[in-house]
Amino acid sequence: MVDGRVNYGSWFFRVLGWDGIMPVCIVLIPTLIKLLIPNNRGAVAVTVVLLPIAAFFVRLAIGIRHIAANHCVIAVRRLQYFVFCLGIFLLIGVDTLLILSHEMPKGAMFANTTDYLAFASLFSIYLASMTIAMYPGRVHSLDDTAWPDDAFEHQTF
């Protein structure tokens, strides 16, 4: 039996912060670009290409660091890396669809209930994978809540 406790607050805020707030920002950036540079489809087109790629690398770097610094055994971390990579690749598609929705005619993105169901399914799979990937592990004492900054350098893949 494993003793210790799970830092549920840290786990919840990792998932909420990177997987709740960041997609909202990705949706809002094209809107902001449309306001700042009106009638310029090229600016939104560049955003459609660059923003999901940039978000992918930001998520990748931070996710790897979080997994490397958690309190799990190596076998669980390897599973977390695998699930994390699957999830962020899935999210590239979701991000791209959300950004492209700004360029589609109104109502084209979610024209029927099947569109909503497909999008909700993709996002649910992504969110479940990130919940698994961001599991922080058990801390062996109440005082041991620090996340080591140098854990990434000592991690073996």
N, C-alpha and C. Protein backbone atom coordinates (compact mmCIF):
# COMPACT_ATOMS: atom_id res chain seq x y z
N MET A 1 0.85 -1.18 0.00
CA MET A 1 0.00 0.00 0.00
C MET A 1 0.89 1.24 0.00
N VAL A 2 0.56 2.20 -0.81
CA VAL A 2 1.33 3.43 -0.92
C VAL A 2 0.81 4.44 0.09
N ASP A 3 1.73 4.94 0.91
CA ASP A 3 1.31 5.97 1.85
C ASP A 3 1.50 7.35 1.23
N GLY A 4 0.95 8.33 1.85
CA GLY A 4 1.06 9.69 1.33
C GLY A 4 -0.28 10.20 0.84
N ARG A 5 -0.24 11.39 0.28
CA ARG A 5 -1.47 12.00 -0.21
C ARG A 5 -1.23 12.61 -1.58
N VAL A 6 -2.31 12.81 -2.31
CA VAL A 6 -2.26 13.44 -3.61
C VAL A 6 -2.59 14.91 -3.43
N ASN A 7 -1.81 15.76 -4.04
CA ASN A 7 -2.08 17.19 -3.98
C ASN A 7 -3.14 17.51 -5.05
N TYR A 8 -4.40 17.33 -4.67
CA TYR A 8 -5.51 17.50 -5.61
C TYR A 8 -5.62 18.93 -6.12
N GLY A 9 -5.30 19.90 -5.28
CA GLY A 9 -5.35 21.30 -5.70
C GLY A 9 -4.39 21.58 -6.83
N SER A 10 -3.16 21.12 -6.69
CA SER A 10 -2.15 21.30 -7.74
C SER A 10 -2.59 20.61 -9.03
N TRP A 11 -3.09 19.39 -8.90
CA TRP A 11 -3.54 18.61 -10.04
C TRP A 11 -4.69 19.32 -10.75
N PHE A 12 -5.67 19.78 -10.01
CA PHE A 12 -6.83 20.47 -10.58
C PHE A 12 -6.41 21.75 -11.31
N PHE A 13 -5.54 22.54 -10.68
CA PHE A 13 -5.15 23.81 -11.29
C PHE A 13 -4.24 23.62 -12.50
N ARG A 14 -3.46 22.56 -12.53
CA ARG A 14 -2.66 22.26 -13.73
C ARG A 14 -3.58 21.96 -14.91
N VAL A 15 -4.55 21.10 -14.67
CA VAL A 15 -5.47 20.73 -15.74
C VAL A 15 -6.32 21.93 -16.14
N LEU A 16 -6.87 22.64 -15.17
CA LEU A 16 -7.72 23.79 -15.46
C LEU A 16 -6.94 24.91 -16.16
N GLY A 17 -5.75 25.19 -15.67
CA GLY A 17 -4.97 26.30 -16.22
C GLY A 17 -4.53 26.06 -17.66
N TRP A 18 -3.91 24.93 -17.91
CA TRP A 18 -3.37 24.69 -19.24
C TRP A 18 -4.39 24.13 -20.20
N ASP A 19 -5.42 23.50 -19.68
CA ASP A 19 -6.37 22.83 -20.55
C ASP A 19 -7.74 23.48 -20.54
N GLY A 20 -7.90 24.52 -19.75
CA GLY A 20 -9.14 25.28 -19.73
C GLY A 20 -8.93 26.70 -20.20
N ILE A 21 -7.94 27.35 -19.63
CA ILE A 21 -7.68 28.75 -19.94
C ILE A 21 -6.98 28.92 -21.28
N MET A 22 -5.99 28.06 -21.56
CA MET A 22 -5.24 28.22 -22.80
C MET A 22 -6.11 28.06 -24.06
N PRO A 23 -7.01 27.07 -24.14
CA PRO A 23 -7.88 27.02 -25.32
C PRO A 23 -8.77 28.26 -25.48
N VAL A 24 -9.21 28.82 -24.36
CA VAL A 24 -10.01 30.04 -24.44
C VAL A 24 -9.17 31.17 -25.03
N CYS A 25 -7.94 31.27 -24.60
CA CYS A 25 -7.04 32.30 -25.16
C CYS A 25 -6.81 32.08 -26.64
N ILE A 26 -6.66 30.83 -27.04
CA ILE A 26 -6.44 30.52 -28.46
C ILE A 26 -7.66 30.91 -29.30
N VAL A 27 -8.84 30.77 -28.74
CA VAL A 27 -10.05 31.18 -29.45
C VAL A 27 -10.15 32.70 -29.52
N LEU A 28 -9.72 33.38 -28.46
CA LEU A 28 -9.87 34.84 -28.40
C LEU A 28 -8.82 35.59 -29.22
N ILE A 29 -7.65 35.02 -29.43
CA ILE A 29 -6.59 35.72 -30.16
C ILE A 29 -7.01 36.09 -31.59
N PRO A 30 -7.63 35.19 -32.37
CA PRO A 30 -8.08 35.62 -33.70
C PRO A 30 -9.12 36.74 -33.65
N THR A 31 -9.98 36.72 -32.63
CA THR A 31 -10.95 37.80 -32.46
C THR A 31 -10.23 39.11 -32.21
N LEU A 32 -9.22 39.08 -31.38
CA LEU A 32 -8.42 40.26 -31.10
C LEU A 32 -7.71 40.76 -32.36
N ILE A 33 -7.19 39.84 -33.15
CA ILE A 33 -6.52 40.23 -34.40
C ILE A 33 -7.52 40.87 -35.36
N LYS A 34 -8.74 40.32 -35.43
CA LYS A 34 -9.76 40.92 -36.29
C LYS A 34 -10.11 42.34 -35.84
N LEU A 35 -10.07 42.58 -34.54
CA LEU A 35 -10.36 43.92 -34.03
C LEU A 35 -9.21 44.89 -34.30
N LEU A 36 -7.99 44.40 -34.12
CA LEU A 36 -6.82 45.26 -34.31
C LEU A 36 -6.49 45.49 -35.79
N ILE A 37 -6.70 44.47 -36.59
CA ILE A 37 -6.40 44.56 -38.03
C ILE A 37 -7.65 44.14 -38.80
N PRO A 38 -8.63 45.01 -38.91
CA PRO A 38 -9.88 44.63 -39.59
C PRO A 38 -9.66 44.45 -41.10
N ASN A 39 -10.49 43.59 -41.70
CA ASN A 39 -10.48 43.34 -43.14
C ASN A 39 -9.13 42.83 -43.64
N ASN A 40 -8.43 42.06 -42.83
CA ASN A 40 -7.15 41.50 -43.24
C ASN A 40 -7.19 39.99 -43.00
N ARG A 41 -7.64 39.26 -44.01
CA ARG A 41 -7.75 37.81 -43.89
C ARG A 41 -6.38 37.16 -43.77
N GLY A 42 -5.35 37.80 -44.30
CA GLY A 42 -4.00 37.25 -44.22
C GLY A 42 -3.50 37.14 -42.79
N ALA A 43 -3.85 38.13 -41.97
CA ALA A 43 -3.42 38.11 -40.57
C ALA A 43 -4.06 36.93 -39.83
N VAL A 44 -5.33 36.67 -40.11
CA VAL A 44 -6.00 35.55 -39.47
C VAL A 44 -5.46 34.23 -40.03
N ALA A 45 -5.14 34.20 -41.32
CA ALA A 45 -4.58 32.99 -41.92
C ALA A 45 -3.23 32.64 -41.29
N VAL A 46 -2.41 33.65 -41.06
CA VAL A 46 -1.12 33.42 -40.39
C VAL A 46 -1.36 32.91 -38.97
N THR A 47 -2.35 33.46 -38.31
CA THR A 47 -2.68 33.01 -36.97
C THR A 47 -3.12 31.55 -36.96
N VAL A 48 -3.90 31.17 -37.97
CA VAL A 48 -4.37 29.78 -38.07
C VAL A 48 -3.20 28.81 -38.18
N VAL A 49 -2.15 29.23 -38.83
CA VAL A 49 -0.98 28.37 -38.99
C VAL A 49 -0.08 28.42 -37.77
N LEU A 50 0.24 29.61 -37.30
CA LEU A 50 1.25 29.76 -36.25
C LEU A 50 0.76 29.49 -34.83
N LEU A 51 -0.46 29.90 -34.52
CA LEU A 51 -0.94 29.79 -33.15
C LEU A 51 -1.03 28.35 -32.64
N PRO A 52 -1.61 27.40 -33.39
CA PRO A 52 -1.63 26.02 -32.90
C PRO A 52 -0.23 25.43 -32.74
N ILE A 53 0.69 25.80 -33.63
CA ILE A 53 2.06 25.31 -33.53
C ILE A 53 2.74 25.87 -32.29
N ALA A 54 2.59 27.16 -32.07
CA ALA A 54 3.18 27.79 -30.89
C ALA A 54 2.57 27.21 -29.61
N ALA A 55 1.25 27.04 -29.59
CA ALA A 55 0.58 26.48 -28.42
C ALA A 55 1.05 25.05 -28.17
N PHE A 56 1.27 24.29 -29.24
CA PHE A 56 1.77 22.93 -29.11
C PHE A 56 3.11 22.91 -28.38
N PHE A 57 4.04 23.76 -28.81
CA PHE A 57 5.37 23.76 -28.20
C PHE A 57 5.36 24.28 -26.76
N VAL A 58 4.50 25.25 -26.49
CA VAL A 58 4.37 25.74 -25.10
C VAL A 58 3.83 24.62 -24.21
N ARG A 59 2.76 23.96 -24.66
CA ARG A 59 2.19 22.86 -23.89
C ARG A 59 3.20 21.72 -23.73
N LEU A 60 3.93 21.41 -24.80
CA LEU A 60 4.90 20.33 -24.75
C LEU A 60 5.98 20.61 -23.70
N ALA A 61 6.55 21.80 -23.74
CA ALA A 61 7.62 22.14 -22.79
C ALA A 61 7.12 22.11 -21.35
N ILE A 62 5.98 22.72 -21.11
CA ILE A 62 5.46 22.80 -19.75
C ILE A 62 4.96 21.43 -19.27
N GLY A 63 4.31 20.70 -20.15
CA GLY A 63 3.82 19.38 -19.77
C GLY A 63 4.94 18.42 -19.42
N ILE A 64 5.99 18.41 -20.22
CA ILE A 64 7.14 17.55 -19.94
C ILE A 64 7.76 17.93 -18.60
N ARG A 65 7.84 19.20 -18.35
CA ARG A 65 8.41 19.66 -17.07
C ARG A 65 7.54 19.23 -15.88
N HIS A 66 6.23 19.36 -16.03
CA HIS A 66 5.32 18.94 -14.95
C HIS A 66 5.43 17.44 -14.69
N ILE A 67 5.45 16.65 -15.76
CA ILE A 67 5.53 15.20 -15.59
C ILE A 67 6.87 14.81 -14.97
N ALA A 68 7.94 15.44 -15.42
CA ALA A 68 9.27 15.12 -14.89
C ALA A 68 9.38 15.47 -13.41
N ALA A 69 8.63 16.45 -12.96
CA ALA A 69 8.74 16.91 -11.57
C ALA A 69 7.71 16.27 -10.65
N ASN A 70 6.89 15.36 -11.17
CA ASN A 70 5.87 14.79 -10.29
C ASN A 70 6.45 13.71 -9.39
N HIS A 71 5.61 13.16 -8.55
CA HIS A 71 6.05 12.18 -7.56
C HIS A 71 5.61 10.77 -7.95
N CYS A 72 5.73 10.44 -9.22
CA CYS A 72 5.34 9.12 -9.70
C CYS A 72 6.57 8.29 -10.04
N VAL A 73 6.38 6.99 -10.09
CA VAL A 73 7.47 6.11 -10.49
C VAL A 73 7.69 6.24 -12.00
N ILE A 74 8.83 5.79 -12.46
CA ILE A 74 9.21 5.94 -13.87
C ILE A 74 8.19 5.31 -14.82
N ALA A 75 7.66 4.14 -14.48
CA ALA A 75 6.68 3.48 -15.35
C ALA A 75 5.43 4.34 -15.53
N VAL A 76 4.97 4.96 -14.47
CA VAL A 76 3.78 5.83 -14.56
C VAL A 76 4.13 7.07 -15.37
N ARG A 77 5.31 7.62 -15.18
CA ARG A 77 5.71 8.80 -15.95
C ARG A 77 5.76 8.49 -17.44
N ARG A 78 6.26 7.33 -17.80
CA ARG A 78 6.30 6.96 -19.22
C ARG A 78 4.89 6.90 -19.80
N LEU A 79 3.97 6.31 -19.04
CA LEU A 79 2.56 6.29 -19.47
C LEU A 79 2.04 7.72 -19.60
N GLN A 80 2.38 8.57 -18.64
CA GLN A 80 1.93 9.96 -18.68
C GLN A 80 2.48 10.68 -19.91
N TYR A 81 3.74 10.46 -20.23
CA TYR A 81 4.32 11.09 -21.43
C TYR A 81 3.57 10.65 -22.69
N PHE A 82 3.28 9.36 -22.77
CA PHE A 82 2.57 8.82 -23.93
C PHE A 82 1.18 9.44 -24.05
N VAL A 83 0.42 9.42 -22.97
CA VAL A 83 -0.94 9.98 -22.97
C VAL A 83 -0.89 11.48 -23.24
N PHE A 84 0.09 12.15 -22.67
CA PHE A 84 0.25 13.59 -22.88
C PHE A 84 0.50 13.91 -24.35
N CYS A 85 1.40 13.18 -24.99
CA CYS A 85 1.69 13.42 -26.41
C CYS A 85 0.47 13.17 -27.28
N LEU A 86 -0.26 12.09 -27.01
CA LEU A 86 -1.50 11.85 -27.76
C LEU A 86 -2.48 13.00 -27.59
N GLY A 87 -2.61 13.46 -26.36
CA GLY A 87 -3.55 14.55 -26.08
C GLY A 87 -3.19 15.85 -26.76
N ILE A 88 -1.91 16.23 -26.75
CA ILE A 88 -1.58 17.52 -27.36
C ILE A 88 -1.63 17.46 -28.88
N PHE A 89 -1.38 16.28 -29.46
CA PHE A 89 -1.57 16.16 -30.91
C PHE A 89 -3.04 16.29 -31.28
N LEU A 90 -3.90 15.71 -30.46
CA LEU A 90 -5.34 15.86 -30.67
C LEU A 90 -5.76 17.32 -30.55
N LEU A 91 -5.16 18.02 -29.60
CA LEU A 91 -5.54 19.41 -29.37
C LEU A 91 -5.11 20.33 -30.51
N ILE A 92 -4.07 19.97 -31.25
CA ILE A 92 -3.70 20.78 -32.42
C ILE A 92 -4.89 20.86 -33.37
N GLY A 93 -5.54 19.74 -33.59
CA GLY A 93 -6.72 19.73 -34.45
C GLY A 93 -7.86 20.54 -33.88
N VAL A 94 -8.10 20.41 -32.60
CA VAL A 94 -9.17 21.18 -31.95
C VAL A 94 -8.88 22.67 -32.03
N ASP A 95 -7.64 23.06 -31.72
CA ASP A 95 -7.25 24.47 -31.80
C ASP A 95 -7.43 25.01 -33.22
N THR A 96 -6.99 24.24 -34.19
CA THR A 96 -7.10 24.68 -35.58
C THR A 96 -8.57 24.85 -35.98
N LEU A 97 -9.41 23.92 -35.59
CA LEU A 97 -10.84 24.06 -35.89
C LEU A 97 -11.43 25.30 -35.24
N LEU A 98 -11.06 25.55 -34.00
CA LEU A 98 -11.59 26.74 -33.32
C LEU A 98 -11.13 28.03 -33.99
N ILE A 99 -9.88 28.06 -34.41
CA ILE A 99 -9.38 29.26 -35.07
C ILE A 99 -10.01 29.40 -36.45
N LEU A 100 -10.15 28.30 -37.18
CA LEU A 100 -10.77 28.36 -38.51
C LEU A 100 -12.24 28.77 -38.44
N SER A 101 -12.87 28.52 -37.31
CA SER A 101 -14.27 28.91 -37.18
C SER A 101 -14.46 30.41 -37.34
N HIS A 102 -13.40 31.18 -37.11
CA HIS A 102 -13.48 32.62 -37.30
C HIS A 102 -13.56 32.99 -38.78
N GLU A 103 -13.06 32.13 -39.64
CA GLU A 103 -13.06 32.40 -41.07
C GLU A 103 -14.24 31.77 -41.81
N MET A 104 -14.93 30.86 -41.15
CA MET A 104 -16.08 30.19 -41.78
C MET A 104 -17.30 31.09 -41.70
N PRO A 105 -18.23 30.88 -42.61
CA PRO A 105 -19.49 31.63 -42.49
C PRO A 105 -20.18 31.31 -41.18
N LYS A 106 -20.93 32.26 -40.67
CA LYS A 106 -21.63 32.06 -39.39
C LYS A 106 -22.50 30.81 -39.45
N GLY A 107 -22.39 29.99 -38.43
CA GLY A 107 -23.20 28.78 -38.34
C GLY A 107 -22.63 27.58 -39.07
N ALA A 108 -21.56 27.74 -39.83
CA ALA A 108 -21.00 26.62 -40.58
C ALA A 108 -20.26 25.63 -39.68
N MET A 109 -19.64 26.14 -38.64
CA MET A 109 -18.84 25.29 -37.76
C MET A 109 -19.71 24.31 -36.98
N PHE A 110 -20.76 24.78 -36.39
CA PHE A 110 -21.64 23.93 -35.62
C PHE A 110 -23.03 23.99 -36.23
N ALA A 111 -23.15 23.40 -37.41
CA ALA A 111 -24.40 23.47 -38.16
C ALA A 111 -25.47 22.53 -37.61
N ASN A 112 -25.05 21.44 -36.98
CA ASN A 112 -26.04 20.50 -36.43
C ASN A 112 -25.51 19.89 -35.14
N THR A 113 -26.32 19.07 -34.52
CA THR A 113 -25.94 18.49 -33.23
C THR A 113 -24.77 17.51 -33.34
N THR A 114 -24.60 16.91 -34.51
CA THR A 114 -23.48 16.01 -34.70
C THR A 114 -22.15 16.76 -34.58
N ASP A 115 -22.10 17.98 -35.07
CA ASP A 115 -20.89 18.80 -34.94
C ASP A 115 -20.56 19.06 -33.48
N TYR A 116 -21.57 19.40 -32.70
CA TYR A 116 -21.37 19.64 -31.27
C TYR A 116 -20.89 18.36 -30.57
N LEU A 117 -21.51 17.25 -30.92
CA LEU A 117 -21.14 15.98 -30.31
C LEU A 117 -19.71 15.58 -30.66
N ALA A 118 -19.32 15.76 -31.91
CA ALA A 118 -17.96 15.43 -32.33
C ALA A 118 -16.94 16.31 -31.60
N PHE A 119 -17.22 17.61 -31.54
CA PHE A 119 -16.30 18.52 -30.85
C PHE A 119 -16.22 18.19 -29.36
N ALA A 120 -17.35 17.95 -28.73
CA ALA A 120 -17.37 17.61 -27.30
C ALA A 120 -16.63 16.30 -27.05
N SER A 121 -16.76 15.34 -27.94
CA SER A 121 -16.06 14.07 -27.80
C SER A 121 -14.55 14.26 -27.89
N LEU A 122 -14.10 15.01 -28.89
CA LEU A 122 -12.66 15.27 -29.04
C LEU A 122 -12.10 15.99 -27.82
N PHE A 123 -12.81 17.01 -27.37
CA PHE A 123 -12.32 17.78 -26.22
C PHE A 123 -12.36 16.93 -24.95
N SER A 124 -13.35 16.07 -24.80
CA SER A 124 -13.43 15.19 -23.63
C SER A 124 -12.27 14.19 -23.60
N ILE A 125 -11.94 13.63 -24.75
CA ILE A 125 -10.79 12.72 -24.84
C ILE A 125 -9.51 13.47 -24.49
N TYR A 126 -9.38 14.67 -25.01
CA TYR A 126 -8.21 15.49 -24.69
C TYR A 126 -8.13 15.77 -23.19
N LEU A 127 -9.23 16.21 -22.61
CA LEU A 127 -9.25 16.56 -21.19
C LEU A 127 -8.96 15.34 -20.31
N ALA A 128 -9.50 14.18 -20.68
CA ALA A 128 -9.22 12.96 -19.92
C ALA A 128 -7.73 12.60 -20.02
N SER A 129 -7.15 12.75 -21.20
CA SER A 129 -5.73 12.43 -21.34
C SER A 129 -4.87 13.40 -20.53
N MET A 130 -5.23 14.66 -20.50
CA MET A 130 -4.46 15.62 -19.71
C MET A 130 -4.64 15.40 -18.21
N THR A 131 -5.81 14.94 -17.80
CA THR A 131 -6.02 14.64 -16.39
C THR A 131 -5.11 13.48 -15.97
N ILE A 132 -4.97 12.49 -16.80
CA ILE A 132 -4.05 11.38 -16.51
C ILE A 132 -2.61 11.86 -16.54
N ALA A 133 -2.27 12.62 -17.56
CA ALA A 133 -0.88 13.06 -17.74
C ALA A 133 -0.41 14.00 -16.62
N MET A 134 -1.30 14.80 -16.08
CA MET A 134 -0.90 15.77 -15.07
C MET A 134 -1.05 15.27 -13.64
N TYR A 135 -1.34 13.98 -13.48
CA TYR A 135 -1.42 13.39 -12.13
C TYR A 135 -0.10 13.64 -11.41
N PRO A 136 -0.13 14.28 -10.24
CA PRO A 136 1.13 14.67 -9.58
C PRO A 136 1.78 13.57 -8.74
N GLY A 137 1.10 12.48 -8.49
CA GLY A 137 1.66 11.44 -7.65
C GLY A 137 1.39 11.73 -6.18
N ARG A 138 1.84 10.82 -5.35
CA ARG A 138 1.62 10.95 -3.90
C ARG A 138 2.84 11.58 -3.25
N VAL A 139 2.56 12.50 -2.33
CA VAL A 139 3.60 13.13 -1.53
C VAL A 139 3.65 12.38 -0.21
N HIS A 140 4.85 12.04 0.25
CA HIS A 140 4.99 11.18 1.42
C HIS A 140 4.81 11.88 2.75
N SER A 141 4.84 13.20 2.77
CA SER A 141 4.54 13.91 4.01
C SER A 141 3.85 15.21 3.66
N LEU A 142 3.15 15.77 4.61
CA LEU A 142 2.44 17.03 4.36
C LEU A 142 3.39 18.17 4.05
N ASP A 143 4.62 18.09 4.53
CA ASP A 143 5.58 19.16 4.29
C ASP A 143 6.26 19.05 2.94
N ASP A 144 6.20 17.89 2.30
CA ASP A 144 6.91 17.67 1.03
C ASP A 144 5.99 17.99 -0.15
N THR A 145 5.67 19.26 -0.32
CA THR A 145 4.79 19.66 -1.41
C THR A 145 5.53 20.40 -2.51
N ALA A 146 6.82 20.56 -2.39
CA ALA A 146 7.59 21.29 -3.40
C ALA A 146 7.75 20.43 -4.64
N TRP A 147 7.77 21.07 -5.77
CA TRP A 147 8.02 20.39 -7.03
C TRP A 147 9.43 20.75 -7.45
N PRO A 148 10.33 19.77 -7.52
CA PRO A 148 11.73 20.09 -7.82
C PRO A 148 11.89 20.68 -9.21
N ASP A 149 12.63 21.77 -9.29
CA ASP A 149 12.86 22.44 -10.57
C ASP A 149 13.85 21.68 -11.44
N ASP A 150 14.73 20.93 -10.83
CA ASP A 150 15.76 20.26 -11.61
C ASP A 150 15.37 18.82 -11.97
N ALA A 151 14.14 18.42 -11.76
CA ALA A 151 13.73 17.05 -12.02
C ALA A 151 13.85 16.70 -13.50
N PHE A 152 13.64 17.67 -14.38
CA PHE A 152 13.70 17.40 -15.81
C PHE A 152 15.11 16.98 -16.22
N GLU A 153 16.11 17.60 -15.64
CA GLU A 153 17.48 17.29 -16.00
C GLU A 153 17.87 15.88 -15.59
N HIS A 154 17.23 15.32 -14.56
CA HIS A 154 17.57 14.01 -14.05
C HIS A 154 16.63 12.91 -14.56
N GLN A 155 15.70 13.27 -15.40
CA GLN A 155 14.70 12.33 -15.89
C GLN A 155 15.27 11.46 -16.99
N THR A 156 14.96 10.17 -16.96
CA THR A 156 15.31 9.26 -18.04
C THR A 156 14.04 8.88 -18.76
N PHE A 157 14.09 8.86 -20.06
CA PHE A 157 12.91 8.55 -20.86
C PHE A 157 12.94 7.12 -21.32
